[in-house]
C-alpha atoms as a PDB file:
ATOM      1  CA  UNK A   1       4.773   2.382 -20.674  1.00  0.00           C
ATOM      2  CA  UNK A   2       3.066   2.378 -17.500  1.00  0.00           C
ATOM      3  CA  UNK A   3       4.874   2.612 -13.946  1.00  0.00           C
ATOM      4  CA  UNK A   4       4.618   2.622 -10.574  1.00  0.00           C
ATOM      5  CA  UNK A   5       6.749   3.590  -7.726  1.00  0.00           C
ATOM      6  CA  UNK A   6       5.375   3.113  -3.749  1.00  0.00           C
ATOM      7  CA  UNK A   7       7.861   6.077  -1.250  1.00  0.00           C
ATOM      8  CA  UNK A   8       7.955   5.834   2.316  1.00  0.00           C
ATOM      9  CA  UNK A   9       9.132   2.261   3.849  1.00  0.00           C
ATOM     10  CA  UNK A  10      11.385   2.157   7.183  1.00  0.00           C
ATOM     11  CA  UNK A  11      12.009   1.048   9.729  1.00  0.00           C
ATOM     12  CA  UNK A  12       9.256   2.111  12.518  1.00  0.00           C
ATOM     13  CA  UNK A  13       9.199   1.353  16.667  1.00  0.00           C
ATOM     14  CA  UNK A  14       6.199  -0.906  17.343  1.00  0.00           C
ATOM     15  CA  UNK A  15       3.262   1.604  17.840  1.00  0.00           C
ATOM     16  CA  UNK A  16       4.319   3.761  15.549  1.00  0.00           C
ATOM     17  CA  UNK A  17       3.059   5.675  12.323  1.00  0.00           C
ATOM     18  CA  UNK A  18       4.577   5.158   8.035  1.00  0.00           C
ATOM     19  CA  UNK A  19       3.120   6.709   5.181  1.00  0.00           C
ATOM     20  CA  UNK A  20       3.059   4.798   2.531  1.00  0.00           C
ATOM     21  CA  UNK A  21       2.904   6.772  -0.995  1.00  0.00           C
ATOM     22  CA  UNK A  22       1.918   5.587  -4.981  1.00  0.00           C
ATOM     23  CA  UNK A  23       3.105   7.264  -7.471  1.00  0.00           C
ATOM     24  CA  UNK A  24       1.423   6.211 -11.178  1.00  0.00           C
ATOM     25  CA  UNK A  25       2.556   7.292 -14.303  1.00  0.00           C
ATOM     26  CA  UNK A  26       0.913   5.882 -17.903  1.00  0.00           C
ATOM     27  CA  UNK A  27      -1.863   5.530 -16.848  1.00  0.00           C
ATOM     28  CA  UNK A  28      -5.821   7.553 -15.232  1.00  0.00           C
ATOM     29  CA  UNK A  29      -5.693   5.159 -11.579  1.00  0.00           C
ATOM     30  CA  UNK A  30      -8.868   7.329 -11.883  1.00  0.00           C
ATOM     31  CA  UNK A  31     -10.557   4.267 -13.690  1.00  0.00           C
ATOM     32  CA  UNK A  32      -9.241   1.479 -11.637  1.00  0.00           C
ATOM     33  CA  UNK A  33      -9.289   0.158  -8.337  1.00  0.00           C
ATOM     34  CA  UNK A  34      -5.822   0.842  -6.653  1.00  0.00           C
ATOM     35  CA  UNK A  35      -4.688  -1.893  -4.293  1.00  0.00           C
ATOM     36  CA  UNK A  36      -1.833  -2.612  -1.370  1.00  0.00           C
ATOM     37  CA  UNK A  37      -0.440  -6.092  -1.491  1.00  0.00           C
ATOM     38  CA  UNK A  38       2.354  -7.386   1.066  1.00  0.00           C
ATOM     39  CA  UNK A  39       4.550  -9.848   0.617  1.00  0.00           C
ATOM     40  CA  UNK A  40       7.816 -11.514   3.658  1.00  0.00           C
ATOM     41  CA  UNK A  41      10.619 -13.279   1.516  1.00  0.00           C
ATOM     42  CA  UNK A  42       9.123 -17.052   0.319  1.00  0.00           C
ATOM     43  CA  UNK A  43       5.898 -15.819   0.817  1.00  0.00           C
ATOM     44  CA  UNK A  44       2.478 -15.569  -1.088  1.00  0.00           C
ATOM     45  CA  UNK A  45       1.903 -11.810  -2.009  1.00  0.00           C
ATOM     46  CA  UNK A  46      -1.216 -10.648  -0.025  1.00  0.00           C
ATOM     47  CA  UNK A  47      -4.254  -8.548  -0.145  1.00  0.00           C
ATOM     48  CA  UNK A  48      -3.948  -5.173   2.413  1.00  0.00           C
ATOM     49  CA  UNK A  49      -6.303  -2.930   1.131  1.00  0.00           C
ATOM     50  CA  UNK A  50      -8.337  -1.288  -1.860  1.00  0.00           C
ATOM     51  CA  UNK A  51      -9.998   1.439  -3.055  1.00  0.00           C
ATOM     52  CA  UNK A  52     -12.154   1.367  -5.920  1.00  0.00           C
ATOM     53  CA  UNK A  53     -12.978   4.055  -7.784  1.00  0.00           C
ATOM     54  CA  UNK A  54     -16.822   4.494  -6.649  1.00  0.00           C
ATOM     55  CA  UNK A  55     -15.118   5.243  -2.688  1.00  0.00           C
ATOM     56  CA  UNK A  56     -15.410   1.533  -1.674  1.00  0.00           C
ATOM     57  CA  UNK A  57     -12.730   0.125   0.342  1.00  0.00           C
ATOM     58  CA  UNK A  58     -11.634  -2.879   1.450  1.00  0.00           C
ATOM     59  CA  UNK A  59      -9.053  -4.204   4.189  1.00  0.00           C
ATOM     60  CA  UNK A  60      -7.632  -6.852   5.718  1.00  0.00           C
ATOM     61  CA  UNK A  61      -8.700  -7.667   8.874  1.00  0.00           C
ATOM     62  CA  UNK A  62      -5.137  -8.096  10.327  1.00  0.00           C
ATOM     63  CA  UNK A  63      -5.253  -4.442   9.635  1.00  0.00           C
ATOM     64  CA  UNK A  64      -9.122  -3.000   9.666  1.00  0.00           C
ATOM     65  CA  UNK A  65      -9.087  -0.406  12.159  1.00  0.00           C
ATOM     66  CA  UNK A  66      -5.165   0.590  11.707  1.00  0.00           C
ATOM     67  CA  UNK A  67      -4.466   1.169   8.204  1.00  0.00           C
ATOM     68  CA  UNK A  68      -5.953   3.369   6.058  1.00  0.00           C
ATOM     69  CA  UNK A  69      -6.432   3.294   2.120  1.00  0.00           C
ATOM     70  CA  UNK A  70      -6.747   6.541  -0.142  1.00  0.00           C
ATOM     71  CA  UNK A  71      -6.218   8.564  -2.699  1.00  0.00           C
ATOM     72  CA  UNK A  72      -5.636  11.385  -5.467  1.00  0.00           C
ATOM     73  CA  UNK A  73      -7.099  10.526  -8.083  1.00  0.00           C
ATOM     74  CA  UNK A  74      -4.956  14.231  -8.715  1.00  0.00           C
ATOM     75  CA  UNK A  75      -2.363  13.443  -8.438  1.00  0.00           C
ATOM     76  CA  UNK A  76      -2.887   9.475  -9.161  1.00  0.00           C
ATOM     77  CA  UNK A  77      -1.053   8.883  -6.403  1.00  0.00           C
ATOM     78  CA  UNK A  78      -2.905   6.359  -3.592  1.00  0.00           C
ATOM     79  CA  UNK A  79      -1.631   6.314  -0.233  1.00  0.00           C
ATOM     80  CA  UNK A  80      -1.596   3.743   2.361  1.00  0.00           C
ATOM     81  CA  UNK A  81      -1.294   5.117   6.586  1.00  0.00           C
ATOM     82  CA  UNK A  82      -0.685   2.981   8.370  1.00  0.00           C
ATOM     83  CA  UNK A  83      -0.987   2.908  12.627  1.00  0.00           C
ATOM     84  CA  UNK A  84      -0.019   1.069  15.799  1.00  0.00           C
ATOM     85  CA  UNK A  85       1.945  -0.932  13.797  1.00  0.00           C
ATOM     86  CA  UNK A  86       3.514  -3.983  14.896  1.00  0.00           C
ATOM     87  CA  UNK A  87       5.894  -6.335  14.230  1.00  0.00           C
ATOM     88  CA  UNK A  88       4.466  -8.232  12.065  1.00  0.00           C
ATOM     89  CA  UNK A  89       3.362  -5.707   9.366  1.00  0.00           C
ATOM     90  CA  UNK A  90       7.438  -6.032   8.314  1.00  0.00           C
ATOM     91  CA  UNK A  91       6.751  -7.110   4.979  1.00  0.00           C
ATOM     92  CA  UNK A  92       8.122  -5.090   1.827  1.00  0.00           C
ATOM     93  CA  UNK A  93       4.221  -3.401   0.520  1.00  0.00           C
ATOM     94  CA  UNK A  94       3.957  -2.880  -2.804  1.00  0.00           C
ATOM     95  CA  UNK A  95       1.337  -1.302  -4.563  1.00  0.00           C
ATOM     96  CA  UNK A  96      -1.106  -1.734  -8.530  1.00  0.00           C
ATOM     97  CA  UNK A  97      -4.049   0.102  -9.789  1.00  0.00           C
ATOM     98  CA  UNK A  98      -4.785  -2.891 -12.185  1.00  0.00           C
ATOM     99  CA  UNK A  99      -3.442  -6.009 -10.498  1.00  0.00           C
ATOM    100  CA  UNK A 100      -1.157  -5.819 -14.175  1.00  0.00           C
ATOM    101  CA  UNK A 101       1.281  -3.121 -13.260  1.00  0.00           C
ATOM    102  CA  UNK A 102       3.538  -3.184  -9.502  1.00  0.00           C
ATOM    103  CA  UNK A 103       5.919  -1.124  -8.456  1.00  0.00           C
ATOM    104  CA  UNK A 104       9.130  -2.255  -6.274  1.00  0.00           C
ATOM    105  CA  UNK A 105       8.342  -3.099  -3.103  1.00  0.00           C
ATOM    106  CA  UNK A 106       9.107  -0.142  -0.060  1.00  0.00           C
ATOM    107  CA  UNK A 107      10.453  -2.245   2.560  1.00  0.00           C
ATOM    108  CA  UNK A 108       8.620  -1.934   6.692  1.00  0.00           C
ATOM    109  CA  UNK A 109      10.423  -2.813   9.059  1.00  0.00           C
ATOM    110  CA  UNK A 110       8.650  -2.581  12.899  1.00  0.00           C
ATOM    111  CA  UNK A 111      11.204  -2.736  15.450  1.00  0.00           C
ATOM    112  CA  UNK A 112      12.546  -2.287  18.841  1.00  0.00           C
END
């Protein structure tokens, strides 16, 4: 059974930084594309960033230059470093290795 657990969310002031972590068990992430997505209440879940197993990385245009996705296959963990946070970055952030298994999300609130 696959488990995905995100952590590292919280409240931060505009311009601040937070790093999210995503620990996966029951699956070897080295064979998968790790992805981060976000979702606001009542809205569709949207793509933030992906890190393919070959090292290719993609970002949504709204976060490029501010967010950095990384992965540690030895620890079966993915990360999302988020800098220069804006109020519109407030969302629940989700991680997935395969678009099938998802964590419970990590809430991020950016406000003064």
